[in-house]
């Protein structure tokens, strides 16, 4: 049987002939230039993987450097295709788990320090696809970097404040008071840790330690509330692995105990004074955390407001328990409660 060349050649498409000629040209050029084997394979690989005229082009956007707690917005708007892109898929590993996001500009909160390589894969209406990569570098925030120095500074401020309060007294504090403060500080830390409920958006937690903070201030005054509330709660932060919260906690819980203790002594410790002391002391705590988380921890307005609501509940529950305990102690041991 005789088969004519004209029938065979008619079935060969012109663009395939051009592709064959180009491929042969690449081989001839590579063979004529003294490249090493590795270089030649690299160039050949690039020529083979080159996109056709109808393939999409993925663009994952510029690399980003952020601090922990930041909501990173990815941007695939630079991707293009002549037919139109129908799917954007972002994949990366975070905390040993595979994360998959969709849409052209999704968001993801990075709370763990590290470097993350994110792959963007785009697909057009014909099923063609392309990939690009973006690197997200997550660094420590201000509190995480300098929390130990901030804690030392806060301790110095507290010490100066205590010296100022005791400037007219011969003794700084009595041994009995030191023992009392030690017990209340330990109790504050223990109750805080025992009732620990994590709050993921801010890396904070709900707890009932405020009940001991209010009890210390209402029963034993401003100094006991400030020292035991601030130090006990800060120690709990450190022991729970959230040491970078300690400087903020020292101020927030210390002011809560000190303010509630000072105001509750007005008008001979009337019910109105106690309620006002709990309200204002709690407001100091809620505002301190809110401002600190918003400006220093960069958790975002939504997360800061949500935790502020949780802290308000802590004030209501902790203040109620603290007031009941304080009333019982004052009634059973009036002389003990009067000692500062």
C-alpha atoms as a PDB file:
ATOM      1  CA  UNK A   1       0.000   0.000   0.000  1.00  0.00           C
ATOM      2  CA  UNK A   2       1.374   3.380  -0.892  1.00  0.00           C
ATOM      3  CA  UNK A   3       0.740   6.313   1.410  1.00  0.00           C
ATOM      4  CA  UNK A   4       1.372   9.729  -0.033  1.00  0.00           C
ATOM      5  CA  UNK A   5       3.336  12.334   1.922  1.00  0.00           C
ATOM      6  CA  UNK A   6       0.755  14.945   1.041  1.00  0.00           C
ATOM      7  CA  UNK A   7      -1.951  13.216   3.147  1.00  0.00           C
ATOM      8  CA  UNK A   8       0.302  12.945   6.171  1.00  0.00           C
ATOM      9  CA  UNK A   9       1.556  16.502   6.017  1.00  0.00           C
ATOM     10  CA  UNK A  10      -1.956  17.822   5.738  1.00  0.00           C
ATOM     11  CA  UNK A  11      -2.712  16.463   9.167  1.00  0.00           C
ATOM     12  CA  UNK A  12       0.283  18.208  10.787  1.00  0.00           C
ATOM     13  CA  UNK A  13      -0.762  21.592  12.130  1.00  0.00           C
ATOM     14  CA  UNK A  14       1.423  24.571  11.209  1.00  0.00           C
ATOM     15  CA  UNK A  15       2.079  25.588  14.848  1.00  0.00           C
ATOM     16  CA  UNK A  16       3.392  22.097  15.630  1.00  0.00           C
ATOM     17  CA  UNK A  17       5.867  22.429  12.770  1.00  0.00           C
ATOM     18  CA  UNK A  18       6.983  25.776  14.195  1.00  0.00           C
ATOM     19  CA  UNK A  19       7.309  24.261  17.703  1.00  0.00           C
ATOM     20  CA  UNK A  20       9.422  21.432  16.261  1.00  0.00           C
ATOM     21  CA  UNK A  21      11.693  23.872  14.436  1.00  0.00           C
ATOM     22  CA  UNK A  22      12.064  26.039  17.592  1.00  0.00           C
ATOM     23  CA  UNK A  23      12.840  22.995  19.765  1.00  0.00           C
ATOM     24  CA  UNK A  24      15.475  21.804  17.256  1.00  0.00           C
ATOM     25  CA  UNK A  25      16.906  25.299  17.231  1.00  0.00           C
ATOM     26  CA  UNK A  26      17.190  25.328  21.029  1.00  0.00           C
ATOM     27  CA  UNK A  27      18.975  21.955  20.954  1.00  0.00           C
ATOM     28  CA  UNK A  28      21.397  23.134  18.261  1.00  0.00           C
ATOM     29  CA  UNK A  29      22.169  26.346  20.166  1.00  0.00           C
ATOM     30  CA  UNK A  30      22.711  24.508  23.463  1.00  0.00           C
ATOM     31  CA  UNK A  31      24.941  21.981  21.747  1.00  0.00           C
ATOM     32  CA  UNK A  32      27.085  24.704  20.193  1.00  0.00           C
ATOM     33  CA  UNK A  33      27.688  26.684  23.435  1.00  0.00           C
ATOM     34  CA  UNK A  34      30.075  25.258  26.083  1.00  0.00           C
ATOM     35  CA  UNK A  35      27.573  25.173  28.997  1.00  0.00           C
ATOM     36  CA  UNK A  36      27.945  22.780  31.876  1.00  0.00           C
ATOM     37  CA  UNK A  37      25.378  19.988  32.111  1.00  0.00           C
ATOM     38  CA  UNK A  38      23.536  21.704  34.972  1.00  0.00           C
ATOM     39  CA  UNK A  39      23.295  25.026  33.152  1.00  0.00           C
ATOM     40  CA  UNK A  40      22.066  23.369  29.968  1.00  0.00           C
ATOM     41  CA  UNK A  41      19.366  21.460  31.815  1.00  0.00           C
ATOM     42  CA  UNK A  42      18.272  24.633  33.577  1.00  0.00           C
ATOM     43  CA  UNK A  43      17.898  26.526  30.319  1.00  0.00           C
ATOM     44  CA  UNK A  44      16.093  23.618  28.707  1.00  0.00           C
ATOM     45  CA  UNK A  45      13.715  23.399  31.647  1.00  0.00           C
ATOM     46  CA  UNK A  46      12.881  27.086  31.351  1.00  0.00           C
ATOM     47  CA  UNK A  47      12.163  26.727  27.627  1.00  0.00           C
ATOM     48  CA  UNK A  48       9.889  23.751  28.197  1.00  0.00           C
ATOM     49  CA  UNK A  49       7.939  25.430  31.041  1.00  0.00           C
ATOM     50  CA  UNK A  50       7.412  28.673  29.144  1.00  0.00           C
ATOM     51  CA  UNK A  51       3.797  29.701  29.030  1.00  0.00           C
ATOM     52  CA  UNK A  52       1.750  29.656  25.916  1.00  0.00           C
ATOM     53  CA  UNK A  53      -0.059  32.715  24.610  1.00  0.00           C
ATOM     54  CA  UNK A  54      -3.313  31.757  26.363  1.00  0.00           C
ATOM     55  CA  UNK A  55      -1.943  30.750  29.775  1.00  0.00           C
ATOM     56  CA  UNK A  56      -2.633  32.866  32.893  1.00  0.00           C
ATOM     57  CA  UNK A  57       0.136  34.718  34.707  1.00  0.00           C
ATOM     58  CA  UNK A  58       0.048  34.539  38.529  1.00  0.00           C
ATOM     59  CA  UNK A  59       1.228  37.472  40.647  1.00  0.00           C
ATOM     60  CA  UNK A  60       1.155  36.933  44.435  1.00  0.00           C
ATOM     61  CA  UNK A  61       2.140  40.523  45.190  1.00  0.00           C
ATOM     62  CA  UNK A  62       5.152  41.900  47.080  1.00  0.00           C
ATOM     63  CA  UNK A  63       6.730  40.238  50.130  1.00  0.00           C
ATOM     64  CA  UNK A  64       5.499  41.547  53.481  1.00  0.00           C
ATOM     65  CA  UNK A  65       7.062  41.990  56.933  1.00  0.00           C
ATOM     66  CA  UNK A  66       4.583  42.295  59.814  1.00  0.00           C
ATOM     67  CA  UNK A  67       4.413  41.861  63.596  1.00  0.00           C
ATOM     68  CA  UNK A  68       2.541  39.122  65.441  1.00  0.00           C
ATOM     69  CA  UNK A  69      -1.210  39.559  65.586  1.00  0.00           C
ATOM     70  CA  UNK A  70      -1.417  41.248  62.181  1.00  0.00           C
ATOM     71  CA  UNK A  71      -4.165  40.370  59.714  1.00  0.00           C
ATOM     72  CA  UNK A  72      -2.248  40.023  56.469  1.00  0.00           C
ATOM     73  CA  UNK A  73      -4.205  40.761  53.285  1.00  0.00           C
ATOM     74  CA  UNK A  74      -2.898  38.855  50.274  1.00  0.00           C
ATOM     75  CA  UNK A  75      -3.163  40.506  46.890  1.00  0.00           C
ATOM     76  CA  UNK A  76      -3.468  38.542  43.664  1.00  0.00           C
ATOM     77  CA  UNK A  77      -4.888  41.444  41.644  1.00  0.00           C
ATOM     78  CA  UNK A  78      -1.704  41.611  39.584  1.00  0.00           C
ATOM     79  CA  UNK A  79      -2.494  38.223  38.022  1.00  0.00           C
ATOM     80  CA  UNK A  80      -3.729  38.294  34.421  1.00  0.00           C
ATOM     81  CA  UNK A  81      -5.192  36.146  31.653  1.00  0.00           C
ATOM     82  CA  UNK A  82      -6.721  36.835  28.243  1.00  0.00           C
ATOM     83  CA  UNK A  83      -9.796  34.697  28.991  1.00  0.00           C
ATOM     84  CA  UNK A  84     -10.248  35.550  32.669  1.00  0.00           C
ATOM     85  CA  UNK A  85      -9.148  33.921  35.928  1.00  0.00           C
ATOM     86  CA  UNK A  86     -11.828  31.879  37.671  1.00  0.00           C
ATOM     87  CA  UNK A  87      -9.929  30.569  40.711  1.00  0.00           C
ATOM     88  CA  UNK A  88      -7.344  31.946  43.142  1.00  0.00           C
ATOM     89  CA  UNK A  89      -5.951  29.419  45.640  1.00  0.00           C
ATOM     90  CA  UNK A  90      -3.419  30.370  48.351  1.00  0.00           C
ATOM     91  CA  UNK A  91      -1.645  27.568  50.223  1.00  0.00           C
ATOM     92  CA  UNK A  92       0.978  27.606  52.992  1.00  0.00           C
ATOM     93  CA  UNK A  93       1.941  25.819  56.207  1.00  0.00           C
ATOM     94  CA  UNK A  94       1.158  27.535  59.517  1.00  0.00           C
ATOM     95  CA  UNK A  95       1.720  25.909  62.940  1.00  0.00           C
ATOM     96  CA  UNK A  96       2.375  22.564  61.201  1.00  0.00           C
ATOM     97  CA  UNK A  97      -1.024  22.669  59.481  1.00  0.00           C
ATOM     98  CA  UNK A  98      -1.796  23.211  55.807  1.00  0.00           C
ATOM     99  CA  UNK A  99      -3.770  26.410  55.246  1.00  0.00           C
ATOM    100  CA  UNK A 100      -5.836  26.942  52.089  1.00  0.00           C
ATOM    101  CA  UNK A 101      -7.396  30.311  51.249  1.00  0.00           C
ATOM    102  CA  UNK A 102      -9.441  31.356  48.223  1.00  0.00           C
ATOM    103  CA  UNK A 103     -10.474  34.542  46.420  1.00  0.00           C
ATOM    104  CA  UNK A 104      -8.285  37.252  44.946  1.00  0.00           C
ATOM    105  CA  UNK A 105      -7.476  39.024  48.247  1.00  0.00           C
ATOM    106  CA  UNK A 106      -8.094  36.885  51.355  1.00  0.00           C
ATOM    107  CA  UNK A 107      -6.899  37.698  54.890  1.00  0.00           C
ATOM    108  CA  UNK A 108      -5.081  35.620  57.496  1.00  0.00           C
ATOM    109  CA  UNK A 109      -3.927  36.490  61.012  1.00  0.00           C
ATOM    110  CA  UNK A 110      -0.314  35.577  61.764  1.00  0.00           C
ATOM    111  CA  UNK A 111       0.281  35.264  65.509  1.00  0.00           C
ATOM    112  CA  UNK A 112       3.403  33.081  65.443  1.00  0.00           C
ATOM    113  CA  UNK A 113       6.862  34.444  64.679  1.00  0.00           C
ATOM    114  CA  UNK A 114       8.416  32.928  61.554  1.00  0.00           C
ATOM    115  CA  UNK A 115       8.878  33.122  57.787  1.00  0.00           C
ATOM    116  CA  UNK A 116       6.049  31.760  55.646  1.00  0.00           C
ATOM    117  CA  UNK A 117       6.217  31.062  51.906  1.00  0.00           C
ATOM    118  CA  UNK A 118       2.726  31.330  50.417  1.00  0.00           C
ATOM    119  CA  UNK A 119       1.891  29.876  46.998  1.00  0.00           C
ATOM    120  CA  UNK A 120      -0.736  31.452  44.767  1.00  0.00           C
ATOM    121  CA  UNK A 121      -2.186  29.190  42.081  1.00  0.00           C
ATOM    122  CA  UNK A 122      -4.496  30.771  39.493  1.00  0.00           C
ATOM    123  CA  UNK A 123      -6.697  28.952  36.964  1.00  0.00           C
ATOM    124  CA  UNK A 124      -8.428  30.413  33.912  1.00  0.00           C
ATOM    125  CA  UNK A 125     -11.650  29.393  32.146  1.00  0.00           C
ATOM    126  CA  UNK A 126      -9.803  26.858  29.970  1.00  0.00           C
ATOM    127  CA  UNK A 127      -8.269  25.070  32.944  1.00  0.00           C
ATOM    128  CA  UNK A 128      -4.800  26.496  32.383  1.00  0.00           C
ATOM    129  CA  UNK A 129      -2.969  27.494  35.551  1.00  0.00           C
ATOM    130  CA  UNK A 130       0.131  29.231  36.853  1.00  0.00           C
ATOM    131  CA  UNK A 131       1.758  29.709  40.269  1.00  0.00           C
ATOM    132  CA  UNK A 132       3.641  32.490  42.060  1.00  0.00           C
ATOM    133  CA  UNK A 133       5.026  32.888  45.587  1.00  0.00           C
ATOM    134  CA  UNK A 134       5.084  35.569  48.268  1.00  0.00           C
ATOM    135  CA  UNK A 135       7.039  35.522  51.538  1.00  0.00           C
ATOM    136  CA  UNK A 136       5.448  36.728  54.785  1.00  0.00           C
ATOM    137  CA  UNK A 137       7.940  37.487  57.560  1.00  0.00           C
ATOM    138  CA  UNK A 138       6.356  37.717  61.032  1.00  0.00           C
ATOM    139  CA  UNK A 139       8.387  39.457  63.750  1.00  0.00           C
ATOM    140  CA  UNK A 140       7.806  39.997  67.469  1.00  0.00           C
ATOM    141  CA  UNK A 141       5.696  42.979  68.474  1.00  0.00           C
ATOM    142  CA  UNK A 142       6.877  45.694  70.866  1.00  0.00           C
ATOM    143  CA  UNK A 143       5.801  43.936  74.053  1.00  0.00           C
ATOM    144  CA  UNK A 144       7.253  40.609  72.954  1.00  0.00           C
ATOM    145  CA  UNK A 145      10.601  42.244  72.189  1.00  0.00           C
ATOM    146  CA  UNK A 146      10.987  44.417  75.266  1.00  0.00           C
ATOM    147  CA  UNK A 147       8.595  43.014  77.876  1.00  0.00           C
ATOM    148  CA  UNK A 148      11.340  42.303  80.427  1.00  0.00           C
ATOM    149  CA  UNK A 149      12.655  45.862  80.252  1.00  0.00           C
ATOM    150  CA  UNK A 150       9.135  47.260  80.429  1.00  0.00           C
ATOM    151  CA  UNK A 151       8.416  45.059  83.442  1.00  0.00           C
ATOM    152  CA  UNK A 152      11.548  46.330  85.211  1.00  0.00           C
ATOM    153  CA  UNK A 153      10.520  49.923  84.445  1.00  0.00           C
ATOM    154  CA  UNK A 154       7.023  49.272  85.796  1.00  0.00           C
ATOM    155  CA  UNK A 155       8.466  47.757  88.974  1.00  0.00           C
ATOM    156  CA  UNK A 156      10.656  50.822  89.496  1.00  0.00           C
ATOM    157  CA  UNK A 157       7.617  53.090  89.100  1.00  0.00           C
ATOM    158  CA  UNK A 158       5.671  51.016  91.630  1.00  0.00           C
ATOM    159  CA  UNK A 159       8.576  51.163  94.094  1.00  0.00           C
ATOM    160  CA  UNK A 160       8.817  54.954  93.752  1.00  0.00           C
ATOM    161  CA  UNK A 161       5.061  55.238  94.265  1.00  0.00           C
ATOM    162  CA  UNK A 162       5.278  53.131  97.405  1.00  0.00           C
ATOM    163  CA  UNK A 163       8.133  55.245  98.748  1.00  0.00           C
ATOM    164  CA  UNK A 164       6.057  58.337  98.122  1.00  0.00           C
ATOM    165  CA  UNK A 165       3.111  56.905 100.050  1.00  0.00           C
ATOM    166  CA  UNK A 166       5.350  55.924 102.940  1.00  0.00           C
ATOM    167  CA  UNK A 167       7.423  59.118 103.044  1.00  0.00           C
ATOM    168  CA  UNK A 168       5.733  60.302 106.251  1.00  0.00           C
ATOM    169  CA  UNK A 169       6.023  56.969 108.051  1.00  0.00           C
ATOM    170  CA  UNK A 170       9.024  55.699 109.967  1.00  0.00           C
ATOM    171  CA  UNK A 171       8.699  52.159 108.650  1.00  0.00           C
ATOM    172  CA  UNK A 172       8.008  51.164 105.057  1.00  0.00           C
ATOM    173  CA  UNK A 173       5.616  48.352 105.962  1.00  0.00           C
ATOM    174  CA  UNK A 174       5.274  46.133 108.997  1.00  0.00           C
ATOM    175  CA  UNK A 175       6.367  42.464 108.880  1.00  0.00           C
ATOM    176  CA  UNK A 176       2.709  41.483 109.280  1.00  0.00           C
ATOM    177  CA  UNK A 177       1.791  43.510 106.232  1.00  0.00           C
ATOM    178  CA  UNK A 178       4.633  41.977 104.213  1.00  0.00           C
ATOM    179  CA  UNK A 179       3.357  38.493 105.091  1.00  0.00           C
ATOM    180  CA  UNK A 180      -0.193  39.472 104.172  1.00  0.00           C
ATOM    181  CA  UNK A 181       0.880  40.910 100.845  1.00  0.00           C
ATOM    182  CA  UNK A 182       2.851  37.772 100.075  1.00  0.00           C
ATOM    183  CA  UNK A 183      -0.130  35.521 100.769  1.00  0.00           C
ATOM    184  CA  UNK A 184      -2.518  37.690  98.741  1.00  0.00           C
ATOM    185  CA  UNK A 185      -0.059  37.946  95.843  1.00  0.00           C
ATOM    186  CA  UNK A 186       0.340  34.162  95.750  1.00  0.00           C
ATOM    187  CA  UNK A 187      -3.429  33.716  96.018  1.00  0.00           C
ATOM    188  CA  UNK A 188      -4.001  36.123  93.113  1.00  0.00           C
ATOM    189  CA  UNK A 189      -1.574  34.185  90.914  1.00  0.00           C
ATOM    190  CA  UNK A 190      -3.020  30.810  91.946  1.00  0.00           C
ATOM    191  CA  UNK A 191      -6.658  31.756  91.292  1.00  0.00           C
ATOM    192  CA  UNK A 192      -5.726  33.373  87.974  1.00  0.00           C
ATOM    193  CA  UNK A 193      -3.932  30.238  86.789  1.00  0.00           C
ATOM    194  CA  UNK A 194      -6.610  27.863  88.115  1.00  0.00           C
ATOM    195  CA  UNK A 195      -9.395  29.641  86.191  1.00  0.00           C
ATOM    196  CA  UNK A 196      -7.371  30.234  83.004  1.00  0.00           C
ATOM    197  CA  UNK A 197      -9.509  30.240  79.804  1.00  0.00           C
ATOM    198  CA  UNK A 198      -7.504  31.237  76.656  1.00  0.00           C
ATOM    199  CA  UNK A 199      -8.774  33.916  74.284  1.00  0.00           C
ATOM    200  CA  UNK A 200      -7.150  33.234  70.890  1.00  0.00           C
ATOM    201  CA  UNK A 201      -7.588  36.576  69.052  1.00  0.00           C
ATOM    202  CA  UNK A 202      -5.403  38.522  71.524  1.00  0.00           C
ATOM    203  CA  UNK A 203      -3.496  35.638  73.167  1.00  0.00           C
ATOM    204  CA  UNK A 204      -5.014  36.780  76.446  1.00  0.00           C
ATOM    205  CA  UNK A 205      -7.324  34.800  78.699  1.00  0.00           C
ATOM    206  CA  UNK A 206     -10.421  34.991  80.880  1.00  0.00           C
ATOM    207  CA  UNK A 207      -9.918  34.314  84.611  1.00  0.00           C
ATOM    208  CA  UNK A 208     -11.349  34.939  88.062  1.00  0.00           C
ATOM    209  CA  UNK A 209      -8.181  36.421  89.507  1.00  0.00           C
ATOM    210  CA  UNK A 210      -9.969  39.777  89.665  1.00  0.00           C
ATOM    211  CA  UNK A 211     -11.968  38.466  92.612  1.00  0.00           C
ATOM    212  CA  UNK A 212      -8.760  38.346  94.710  1.00  0.00           C
ATOM    213  CA  UNK A 213      -7.600  41.692  93.311  1.00  0.00           C
ATOM    214  CA  UNK A 214     -10.840  43.357  94.416  1.00  0.00           C
ATOM    215  CA  UNK A 215     -10.828  41.491  97.705  1.00  0.00           C
ATOM    216  CA  UNK A 216      -7.300  42.749  98.466  1.00  0.00           C
ATOM    217  CA  UNK A 217      -8.227  46.344  97.695  1.00  0.00           C
ATOM    218  CA  UNK A 218     -11.643  46.381  99.369  1.00  0.00           C
ATOM    219  CA  UNK A 219     -10.544  44.550 102.506  1.00  0.00           C
ATOM    220  CA  UNK A 220      -7.012  45.890 103.036  1.00  0.00           C
ATOM    221  CA  UNK A 221      -6.835  49.164 101.135  1.00  0.00           C
ATOM    222  CA  UNK A 222      -5.182  50.782  98.149  1.00  0.00           C
ATOM    223  CA  UNK A 223      -1.638  49.529  98.787  1.00  0.00           C
ATOM    224  CA  UNK A 224      -2.646  45.896  99.208  1.00  0.00           C
ATOM    225  CA  UNK A 225      -4.881  46.046  96.144  1.00  0.00           C
ATOM    226  CA  UNK A 226      -2.186  47.626  93.983  1.00  0.00           C
ATOM    227  CA  UNK A 227       0.696  45.406  95.073  1.00  0.00           C
ATOM    228  CA  UNK A 228      -1.126  42.089  95.273  1.00  0.00           C
ATOM    229  CA  UNK A 229      -3.295  42.679  92.213  1.00  0.00           C
ATOM    230  CA  UNK A 230      -0.464  43.910  90.016  1.00  0.00           C
ATOM    231  CA  UNK A 231       2.323  41.549  91.042  1.00  0.00           C
ATOM    232  CA  UNK A 232       0.165  38.445  91.489  1.00  0.00           C
ATOM    233  CA  UNK A 233      -1.454  38.810  88.077  1.00  0.00           C
ATOM    234  CA  UNK A 234       1.873  39.605  86.359  1.00  0.00           C
ATOM    235  CA  UNK A 235       3.457  36.502  87.889  1.00  0.00           C
ATOM    236  CA  UNK A 236       0.557  34.427  86.542  1.00  0.00           C
ATOM    237  CA  UNK A 237       1.203  35.805  83.034  1.00  0.00           C
ATOM    238  CA  UNK A 238       4.847  34.764  83.216  1.00  0.00           C
ATOM    239  CA  UNK A 239       4.079  31.284  84.546  1.00  0.00           C
ATOM    240  CA  UNK A 240       1.401  30.741  81.899  1.00  0.00           C
ATOM    241  CA  UNK A 241       3.844  31.529  79.092  1.00  0.00           C
ATOM    242  CA  UNK A 242       2.480  35.000  78.314  1.00  0.00           C
ATOM    243  CA  UNK A 243       5.307  36.954  79.877  1.00  0.00           C
ATOM    244  CA  UNK A 244       5.087  39.734  77.286  1.00  0.00           C
ATOM    245  CA  UNK A 245       1.679  40.583  78.824  1.00  0.00           C
ATOM    246  CA  UNK A 246       3.237  41.043  82.299  1.00  0.00           C
ATOM    247  CA  UNK A 247       4.101  44.787  82.057  1.00  0.00           C
ATOM    248  CA  UNK A 248       0.618  45.582  80.789  1.00  0.00           C
ATOM    249  CA  UNK A 249      -0.975  43.338  83.424  1.00  0.00           C
ATOM    250  CA  UNK A 250       1.049  44.935  86.221  1.00  0.00           C
ATOM    251  CA  UNK A 251      -0.399  48.314  85.297  1.00  0.00           C
ATOM    252  CA  UNK A 252      -3.931  47.103  84.513  1.00  0.00           C
ATOM    253  CA  UNK A 253      -4.493  44.875  87.541  1.00  0.00           C
ATOM    254  CA  UNK A 254      -2.417  47.068  89.856  1.00  0.00           C
ATOM    255  CA  UNK A 255      -4.548  50.117  89.038  1.00  0.00           C
ATOM    256  CA  UNK A 256      -7.695  48.020  89.406  1.00  0.00           C
ATOM    257  CA  UNK A 257      -6.777  46.986  92.943  1.00  0.00           C
ATOM    258  CA  UNK A 258      -5.367  50.362  93.993  1.00  0.00           C
ATOM    259  CA  UNK A 259      -8.285  52.463  92.699  1.00  0.00           C
ATOM    260  CA  UNK A 260     -10.933  50.112  94.100  1.00  0.00           C
ATOM    261  CA  UNK A 261      -9.146  50.083  97.473  1.00  0.00           C
ATOM    262  CA  UNK A 262      -8.811  53.864  97.648  1.00  0.00           C
ATOM    263  CA  UNK A 263     -12.365  54.783  96.617  1.00  0.00           C
ATOM    264  CA  UNK A 264     -14.044  52.053  98.677  1.00  0.00           C
ATOM    265  CA  UNK A 265     -12.677  53.684 101.847  1.00  0.00           C
ATOM    266  CA  UNK A 266     -14.580  56.903 101.186  1.00  0.00           C
ATOM    267  CA  UNK A 267     -17.598  57.665 103.367  1.00  0.00           C
ATOM    268  CA  UNK A 268     -16.520  55.025 105.887  1.00  0.00           C
ATOM    269  CA  UNK A 269     -16.720  52.277 103.310  1.00  0.00           C
ATOM    270  CA  UNK A 270     -20.377  52.752 102.350  1.00  0.00           C
ATOM    271  CA  UNK A 271     -22.057  50.519  99.800  1.00  0.00           C
ATOM    272  CA  UNK A 272     -22.022  53.320  97.251  1.00  0.00           C
ATOM    273  CA  UNK A 273     -18.277  53.810  97.755  1.00  0.00           C
ATOM    274  CA  UNK A 274     -17.629  50.083  97.325  1.00  0.00           C
ATOM    275  CA  UNK A 275     -19.685  49.878  94.130  1.00  0.00           C
ATOM    276  CA  UNK A 276     -18.015  53.018  92.783  1.00  0.00           C
ATOM    277  CA  UNK A 277     -14.587  51.634  93.687  1.00  0.00           C
ATOM    278  CA  UNK A 278     -15.264  48.392  91.813  1.00  0.00           C
ATOM    279  CA  UNK A 279     -16.619  50.274  88.778  1.00  0.00           C
ATOM    280  CA  UNK A 280     -13.732  52.749  88.516  1.00  0.00           C
ATOM    281  CA  UNK A 281     -11.084  50.171  89.357  1.00  0.00           C
ATOM    282  CA  UNK A 282     -12.524  47.823  86.755  1.00  0.00           C
ATOM    283  CA  UNK A 283     -12.628  50.645  84.207  1.00  0.00           C
ATOM    284  CA  UNK A 284      -8.897  51.225  84.754  1.00  0.00           C
ATOM    285  CA  UNK A 285      -8.215  47.561  84.044  1.00  0.00           C
ATOM    286  CA  UNK A 286     -10.421  47.362  80.950  1.00  0.00           C
ATOM    287  CA  UNK A 287      -9.038  50.571  79.438  1.00  0.00           C
ATOM    288  CA  UNK A 288      -5.418  49.627  80.183  1.00  0.00           C
ATOM    289  CA  UNK A 289      -5.753  46.322  78.366  1.00  0.00           C
ATOM    290  CA  UNK A 290      -7.745  47.852  75.515  1.00  0.00           C
ATOM    291  CA  UNK A 291      -5.196  50.602  74.825  1.00  0.00           C
ATOM    292  CA  UNK A 292      -2.222  48.288  75.306  1.00  0.00           C
ATOM    293  CA  UNK A 293      -3.568  45.565  73.018  1.00  0.00           C
ATOM    294  CA  UNK A 294      -4.551  48.073  70.365  1.00  0.00           C
ATOM    295  CA  UNK A 295      -1.336  50.113  70.322  1.00  0.00           C
ATOM    296  CA  UNK A 296       1.365  47.730  71.565  1.00  0.00           C
ATOM    297  CA  UNK A 297       0.120  44.264  70.614  1.00  0.00           C
ATOM    298  CA  UNK A 298      -1.529  45.363  67.359  1.00  0.00           C
ATOM    299  CA  UNK A 299      -4.417  42.904  67.746  1.00  0.00           C
ATOM    300  CA  UNK A 300      -6.871  45.058  65.807  1.00  0.00           C
ATOM    301  CA  UNK A 301      -9.887  47.059  66.945  1.00  0.00           C
ATOM    302  CA  UNK A 302     -12.334  44.156  66.702  1.00  0.00           C
ATOM    303  CA  UNK A 303     -10.302  41.787  68.871  1.00  0.00           C
ATOM    304  CA  UNK A 304      -9.526  44.554  71.391  1.00  0.00           C
ATOM    305  CA  UNK A 305     -13.209  45.443  71.727  1.00  0.00           C
ATOM    306  CA  UNK A 306     -14.182  41.785  72.059  1.00  0.00           C
ATOM    307  CA  UNK A 307     -11.691  41.255  74.872  1.00  0.00           C
ATOM    308  CA  UNK A 308     -12.814  44.499  76.509  1.00  0.00           C
ATOM    309  CA  UNK A 309     -16.288  42.961  76.734  1.00  0.00           C
ATOM    310  CA  UNK A 310     -14.789  39.839  78.322  1.00  0.00           C
ATOM    311  CA  UNK A 311     -12.800  41.962  80.782  1.00  0.00           C
ATOM    312  CA  UNK A 312     -15.974  43.818  81.705  1.00  0.00           C
ATOM    313  CA  UNK A 313     -17.567  40.475  82.613  1.00  0.00           C
ATOM    314  CA  UNK A 314     -14.483  39.704  84.708  1.00  0.00           C
ATOM    315  CA  UNK A 315     -14.995  42.978  86.578  1.00  0.00           C
ATOM    316  CA  UNK A 316     -18.654  42.232  87.291  1.00  0.00           C
ATOM    317  CA  UNK A 317     -18.036  38.649  88.439  1.00  0.00           C
ATOM    318  CA  UNK A 318     -14.737  39.354  90.197  1.00  0.00           C
ATOM    319  CA  UNK A 319     -16.058  42.513  91.829  1.00  0.00           C
ATOM    320  CA  UNK A 320     -19.114  40.694  93.187  1.00  0.00           C
ATOM    321  CA  UNK A 321     -17.016  37.864  94.647  1.00  0.00           C
ATOM    322  CA  UNK A 322     -14.417  40.267  96.002  1.00  0.00           C
ATOM    323  CA  UNK A 323     -17.058  42.447  97.671  1.00  0.00           C
ATOM    324  CA  UNK A 324     -18.681  39.427  99.364  1.00  0.00           C
ATOM    325  CA  UNK A 325     -15.315  38.134 100.622  1.00  0.00           C
ATOM    326  CA  UNK A 326     -14.340  41.603 101.824  1.00  0.00           C
ATOM    327  CA  UNK A 327     -17.624  42.040 103.690  1.00  0.00           C
ATOM    328  CA  UNK A 328     -17.191  38.668 105.396  1.00  0.00           C
ATOM    329  CA  UNK A 329     -13.597  39.386 106.480  1.00  0.00           C
ATOM    330  CA  UNK A 330     -14.386  42.884 107.734  1.00  0.00           C
ATOM    331  CA  UNK A 331     -17.287  41.551 109.731  1.00  0.00           C
ATOM    332  CA  UNK A 332     -15.376  38.616 111.220  1.00  0.00           C
ATOM    333  CA  UNK A 333     -11.998  40.364 111.704  1.00  0.00           C
ATOM    334  CA  UNK A 334     -12.550  44.128 111.854  1.00  0.00           C
ATOM    335  CA  UNK A 335      -9.095  44.877 113.316  1.00  0.00           C
ATOM    336  CA  UNK A 336      -7.339  42.826 110.608  1.00  0.00           C
ATOM    337  CA  UNK A 337      -9.079  44.723 107.852  1.00  0.00           C
ATOM    338  CA  UNK A 338      -8.172  48.088 109.407  1.00  0.00           C
ATOM    339  CA  UNK A 339      -4.434  47.321 109.392  1.00  0.00           C
ATOM    340  CA  UNK A 340      -2.603  48.714 106.350  1.00  0.00           C
END
